[in-house]
């Protein structure tokens, strides 16, 4: 059974943009759309009991969904208004989805997404891709000529999930994939006899990086022969190189390996930087 594309909504401009993005993607992929809203009973509203508040919330979600259904009557749309912690509700919904789409709030010193920091927490817990969409997102940004940009690093298996998502999305949109691999000069003490031989066989650092990118892309080129692919290998910070590519992208795809520390789970610095600064939608794909 095909998983639905799920959008989390909270009535904000950002989440409504996410709903529109999820709707377009569901139509392209022939998937169902599931709309989820997490709410909490406000005891401070003494004049409104739980059922009354639930009715208000449900009506607001229904109003948001009505426009989507009217524009795409062929789209199968399901709605769930769930009382509970937003992180728990959205994380649970994401587990059952092809992808979870959330609103993303602007650029600032601290990341803020749907319902404040909820989106960031959901990303660290997600087992499925999470797409973050800003309020200014418009369908025109998906016009032909803009690439789906994906970051590739490490061995092929390290970025396989992100590459798969990028190629599937590009195929559904009739777009090209731009695969970006950034590299920096490692410290001298990082070299080993084995790594030195690999570099020597490849002809140097940059040819080695180009070879590594080509190797990671090979199975996806074979699986999606109709998707044009541009390979970009550039010396520099991975975050900065990806952000430069994002300026002409319709979507940026980054892999994610969550790290847990004393202050809780956090995502890697590259994913953090791209989410923080990219103007286009960003898909964060957990490693398989």
Protein backbone atom coordinates (compact mmCIF):
# COMPACT_ATOMS: atom_id res chain seq x y z
CA UNK A 1 0.00 0.00 0.00
CA UNK A 2 1.37 3.43 -0.97
CA UNK A 3 2.16 5.70 1.94
CA UNK A 4 0.44 9.11 1.96
CA UNK A 5 2.22 12.44 1.89
CA UNK A 6 1.44 14.06 5.24
CA UNK A 7 1.30 17.78 5.98
CA UNK A 8 1.30 19.19 9.50
CA UNK A 9 -0.80 22.35 9.79
CA UNK A 10 -1.29 24.84 12.61
CA UNK A 11 -3.03 27.69 10.82
CA UNK A 12 0.16 29.71 10.31
CA UNK A 13 1.13 31.11 6.91
CA UNK A 14 4.12 28.76 6.88
CA UNK A 15 2.06 25.65 7.48
CA UNK A 16 -0.44 26.64 4.79
CA UNK A 17 2.45 26.96 2.32
CA UNK A 18 3.57 23.49 3.45
CA UNK A 19 0.04 22.18 2.84
CA UNK A 20 0.06 23.58 -0.71
CA UNK A 21 3.52 22.08 -1.36
CA UNK A 22 2.41 18.68 -0.04
CA UNK A 23 -0.72 18.83 -2.20
CA UNK A 24 1.26 19.47 -5.39
CA UNK A 25 3.69 16.69 -4.56
CA UNK A 26 0.88 14.24 -3.83
CA UNK A 27 -0.73 15.02 -7.20
CA UNK A 28 2.59 14.52 -9.01
CA UNK A 29 3.24 11.18 -7.31
CA UNK A 30 -0.34 9.92 -7.42
CA UNK A 31 -0.34 9.67 -3.62
CA UNK A 32 -3.00 10.41 -1.04
CA UNK A 33 -2.67 13.53 1.11
CA UNK A 34 -3.05 13.33 4.86
CA UNK A 35 -3.45 16.55 6.86
CA UNK A 36 -2.61 16.42 10.57
CA UNK A 37 -3.18 19.02 13.27
CA UNK A 38 -2.02 18.56 16.86
CA UNK A 39 -3.89 20.56 19.49
CA UNK A 40 -4.05 20.94 23.26
CA UNK A 41 -7.04 21.73 25.42
CA UNK A 42 -6.72 25.26 26.82
CA UNK A 43 -8.04 25.21 30.38
CA UNK A 44 -7.70 29.00 30.50
CA UNK A 45 -10.72 29.26 28.18
CA UNK A 46 -13.20 28.62 30.96
CA UNK A 47 -16.19 29.40 28.72
CA UNK A 48 -15.27 26.70 26.19
CA UNK A 49 -15.15 23.02 27.10
CA UNK A 50 -12.99 20.41 25.35
CA UNK A 51 -15.64 19.52 22.75
CA UNK A 52 -16.18 23.17 21.87
CA UNK A 53 -12.48 23.81 21.45
CA UNK A 54 -12.10 20.67 19.38
CA UNK A 55 -14.90 21.94 17.14
CA UNK A 56 -13.14 25.28 16.64
CA UNK A 57 -9.88 23.58 15.74
CA UNK A 58 -11.53 21.09 13.41
CA UNK A 59 -13.35 23.87 11.58
CA UNK A 60 -10.11 25.79 11.06
CA UNK A 61 -8.40 22.74 9.59
CA UNK A 62 -11.42 21.99 7.39
CA UNK A 63 -11.32 25.54 6.01
CA UNK A 64 -7.64 25.13 5.11
CA UNK A 65 -8.23 21.77 3.43
CA UNK A 66 -11.28 22.95 1.48
CA UNK A 67 -9.19 25.08 -0.85
CA UNK A 68 -6.86 22.15 -1.59
CA UNK A 69 -9.78 19.83 -2.35
CA UNK A 70 -11.41 22.37 -4.62
CA UNK A 71 -8.24 22.90 -6.66
CA UNK A 72 -7.56 19.17 -6.95
CA UNK A 73 -10.86 17.26 -6.74
CA UNK A 74 -9.11 14.05 -7.83
CA UNK A 75 -6.83 14.12 -4.79
CA UNK A 76 -7.64 11.78 -1.91
CA UNK A 77 -7.46 13.84 1.29
CA UNK A 78 -7.68 12.58 4.86
CA UNK A 79 -7.77 14.83 7.93
CA UNK A 80 -6.74 14.01 11.50
CA UNK A 81 -7.20 16.46 14.36
CA UNK A 82 -5.40 14.87 17.29
CA UNK A 83 -5.21 16.08 20.87
CA UNK A 84 -1.71 15.59 22.20
CA UNK A 85 1.88 16.75 22.23
CA UNK A 86 2.73 18.16 18.76
CA UNK A 87 6.11 16.40 18.60
CA UNK A 88 4.56 13.04 19.44
CA UNK A 89 1.60 13.52 17.09
CA UNK A 90 3.66 14.71 14.12
CA UNK A 91 6.41 12.14 14.67
CA UNK A 92 3.84 9.37 14.75
CA UNK A 93 2.17 10.68 11.60
CA UNK A 94 5.52 10.93 9.86
CA UNK A 95 6.33 7.29 10.56
CA UNK A 96 3.30 6.24 8.51
CA UNK A 97 3.98 8.71 5.66
CA UNK A 98 6.05 8.77 2.49
CA UNK A 99 7.24 12.15 3.76
CA UNK A 100 6.18 14.68 6.37
CA UNK A 101 5.84 18.30 5.24
CA UNK A 102 6.01 21.15 7.77
CA UNK A 103 6.11 24.92 7.71
CA UNK A 104 9.46 26.59 8.30
CA UNK A 105 9.78 30.02 9.90
CA UNK A 106 12.29 32.57 8.57
CA UNK A 107 15.92 33.23 9.19
CA UNK A 108 17.09 34.02 12.68
CA UNK A 109 19.63 33.29 15.38
CA UNK A 110 17.68 30.23 16.50
CA UNK A 111 15.92 27.75 14.24
CA UNK A 112 12.17 28.01 14.49
CA UNK A 113 9.74 25.82 12.60
CA UNK A 114 6.14 24.75 12.89
CA UNK A 115 4.91 25.54 16.41
CA UNK A 116 8.29 27.03 17.37
CA UNK A 117 10.91 24.34 17.88
CA UNK A 118 8.57 21.43 17.18
CA UNK A 119 9.82 20.96 13.62
CA UNK A 120 13.42 20.70 14.75
CA UNK A 121 12.51 18.04 17.33
CA UNK A 122 10.45 16.13 14.78
CA UNK A 123 13.38 16.10 12.35
CA UNK A 124 15.70 14.52 14.90
CA UNK A 125 13.18 11.78 15.67
CA UNK A 126 11.88 11.13 12.15
CA UNK A 127 12.41 7.81 10.41
CA UNK A 128 11.03 9.22 7.12
CA UNK A 129 11.96 12.33 5.10
CA UNK A 130 10.82 15.68 6.50
CA UNK A 131 10.35 18.62 4.13
CA UNK A 132 10.44 22.19 5.48
CA UNK A 133 8.64 24.88 3.47
CA UNK A 134 8.75 28.65 3.99
CA UNK A 135 5.75 30.97 3.81
CA UNK A 136 6.93 32.58 0.56
CA UNK A 137 7.05 29.31 -1.38
CA UNK A 138 5.16 29.42 -4.67
CA UNK A 139 4.52 26.87 -7.47
CA UNK A 140 6.53 29.04 -9.85
CA UNK A 141 9.67 28.05 -7.95
CA UNK A 142 9.22 24.53 -9.30
CA UNK A 143 9.35 25.74 -12.91
CA UNK A 144 11.47 23.87 -15.43
CA UNK A 145 15.12 24.81 -15.35
CA UNK A 146 15.59 24.66 -11.59
CA UNK A 147 17.40 21.62 -10.24
CA UNK A 148 16.72 19.34 -7.31
CA UNK A 149 19.99 19.78 -5.42
CA UNK A 150 21.28 16.96 -3.22
CA UNK A 151 24.33 16.83 -1.02
CA UNK A 152 26.51 13.73 -1.26
CA UNK A 153 29.31 12.85 1.13
CA UNK A 154 31.21 9.87 2.42
CA UNK A 155 30.73 6.40 1.03
CA UNK A 156 27.79 5.58 -1.30
CA UNK A 157 25.74 4.02 1.49
CA UNK A 158 26.08 7.18 3.61
CA UNK A 159 23.99 9.21 1.19
CA UNK A 160 21.92 6.52 -0.55
CA UNK A 161 18.64 7.54 1.12
CA UNK A 162 19.07 11.22 0.23
CA UNK A 163 20.04 10.38 -3.36
CA UNK A 164 17.04 8.11 -3.75
CA UNK A 165 14.69 10.83 -2.52
CA UNK A 166 16.27 13.41 -4.83
CA UNK A 167 16.01 11.19 -7.91
CA UNK A 168 12.42 10.14 -7.13
CA UNK A 169 11.40 13.76 -6.67
CA UNK A 170 13.18 14.92 -9.82
CA UNK A 171 11.58 12.11 -11.84
CA UNK A 172 8.11 13.08 -10.60
CA UNK A 173 8.75 16.73 -11.54
CA UNK A 174 10.59 16.24 -14.82
CA UNK A 175 13.56 18.05 -13.27
CA UNK A 176 17.31 17.53 -13.22
CA UNK A 177 19.36 16.46 -10.21
CA UNK A 178 22.42 18.44 -9.22
CA UNK A 179 24.58 16.29 -6.95
CA UNK A 180 27.00 18.33 -4.86
CA UNK A 181 30.06 16.99 -3.09
CA UNK A 182 32.22 19.44 -1.15
CA UNK A 183 35.71 18.64 0.03
CA UNK A 184 38.43 20.23 2.12
CA UNK A 185 42.10 19.52 2.64
CA UNK A 186 42.44 17.04 5.52
CA UNK A 187 45.17 17.50 8.13
CA UNK A 188 48.41 15.70 7.33
CA UNK A 189 48.04 13.33 10.27
CA UNK A 190 44.74 12.05 8.81
CA UNK A 191 46.54 10.35 5.94
CA UNK A 192 47.23 6.62 6.23
CA UNK A 193 49.16 4.40 3.84
CA UNK A 194 45.85 3.02 2.55
CA UNK A 195 44.30 6.44 1.95
CA UNK A 196 47.48 7.71 0.30
CA UNK A 197 47.36 4.80 -2.15
CA UNK A 198 43.70 5.54 -2.99
CA UNK A 199 44.55 9.18 -3.65
CA UNK A 200 47.54 8.22 -5.75
CA UNK A 201 45.46 5.79 -7.82
CA UNK A 202 42.84 8.50 -8.41
CA UNK A 203 45.42 11.09 -9.44
CA UNK A 204 45.00 13.47 -6.50
CA UNK A 205 42.42 14.87 -4.11
CA UNK A 206 39.96 16.47 -6.52
CA UNK A 207 39.91 13.54 -8.99
CA UNK A 208 39.39 11.23 -6.02
CA UNK A 209 36.36 13.27 -4.90
CA UNK A 210 34.93 13.29 -8.43
CA UNK A 211 35.39 9.53 -8.64
CA UNK A 212 33.68 9.07 -5.28
CA UNK A 213 30.68 11.16 -6.38
CA UNK A 214 30.38 9.29 -9.68
CA UNK A 215 30.45 5.98 -7.83
CA UNK A 216 27.70 7.07 -5.43
CA UNK A 217 25.52 8.27 -8.33
CA UNK A 218 25.98 5.23 -10.57
CA UNK A 219 23.10 3.06 -9.25
CA UNK A 220 20.67 5.98 -9.26
CA UNK A 221 21.59 7.01 -12.81
CA UNK A 222 20.85 3.42 -13.86
CA UNK A 223 17.56 3.32 -11.96
CA UNK A 224 16.39 6.72 -13.26
CA UNK A 225 17.87 6.96 -16.78
CA UNK A 226 15.46 9.74 -17.77
CA UNK A 227 16.65 12.14 -15.03
CA UNK A 228 19.40 14.53 -16.17
CA UNK A 229 22.28 14.72 -13.69
CA UNK A 230 24.86 17.43 -13.10
CA UNK A 231 27.84 16.56 -10.90
CA UNK A 232 29.38 19.36 -8.87
CA UNK A 233 32.58 18.80 -6.90
CA UNK A 234 33.85 21.89 -5.14
CA UNK A 235 36.44 22.65 -2.52
CA UNK A 236 34.96 24.37 0.51
CA UNK A 237 32.58 24.02 3.43
CA UNK A 238 29.78 21.56 2.63
CA UNK A 239 27.17 23.91 4.07
CA UNK A 240 28.36 26.92 2.08
CA UNK A 241 28.70 24.97 -1.17
CA UNK A 242 25.17 23.58 -0.80
CA UNK A 243 23.73 26.98 0.05
CA UNK A 244 25.31 28.48 -3.06
CA UNK A 245 23.70 25.73 -5.16
CA UNK A 246 20.38 26.27 -3.35
CA UNK A 247 20.09 29.77 -4.82
CA UNK A 248 19.06 28.21 -8.15
CA UNK A 249 17.27 25.14 -6.79
CA UNK A 250 13.60 24.21 -6.45
CA UNK A 251 14.43 21.82 -3.60
CA UNK A 252 17.52 20.96 -1.57
CA UNK A 253 17.92 17.44 -0.17
CA UNK A 254 20.29 16.73 2.70
CA UNK A 255 20.98 13.58 4.66
CA UNK A 256 20.62 13.47 8.41
CA UNK A 257 22.26 11.49 11.12
CA UNK A 258 20.87 12.64 14.46
CA UNK A 259 23.37 13.11 17.29
CA UNK A 260 22.41 12.78 20.92
CA UNK A 261 24.23 14.72 23.60
CA UNK A 262 23.75 16.18 27.06
CA UNK A 263 21.32 18.80 25.70
CA UNK A 264 19.28 16.29 23.69
CA UNK A 265 19.15 15.24 20.07
CA UNK A 266 20.50 17.53 17.37
CA UNK A 267 21.07 17.32 13.65
CA UNK A 268 24.40 17.69 11.90
CA UNK A 269 25.91 21.08 11.17
CA UNK A 270 25.42 20.85 7.40
CA UNK A 271 21.69 20.07 7.63
CA UNK A 272 21.35 22.73 10.34
CA UNK A 273 23.00 25.38 8.18
CA UNK A 274 20.96 24.59 5.08
CA UNK A 275 17.69 24.59 7.03
CA UNK A 276 18.68 27.85 8.64
CA UNK A 277 19.53 29.79 5.47
CA UNK A 278 18.13 28.18 2.31
CA UNK A 279 15.20 30.06 0.79
CA UNK A 280 13.78 27.07 -1.09
CA UNK A 281 12.12 24.01 0.50
CA UNK A 282 14.56 21.63 2.19
CA UNK A 283 14.10 17.87 2.55
CA UNK A 284 15.93 16.23 5.44
CA UNK A 285 16.32 12.51 4.83
CA UNK A 286 17.45 10.19 7.64
CA UNK A 287 20.20 7.74 6.83
CA UNK A 288 18.89 4.26 6.12
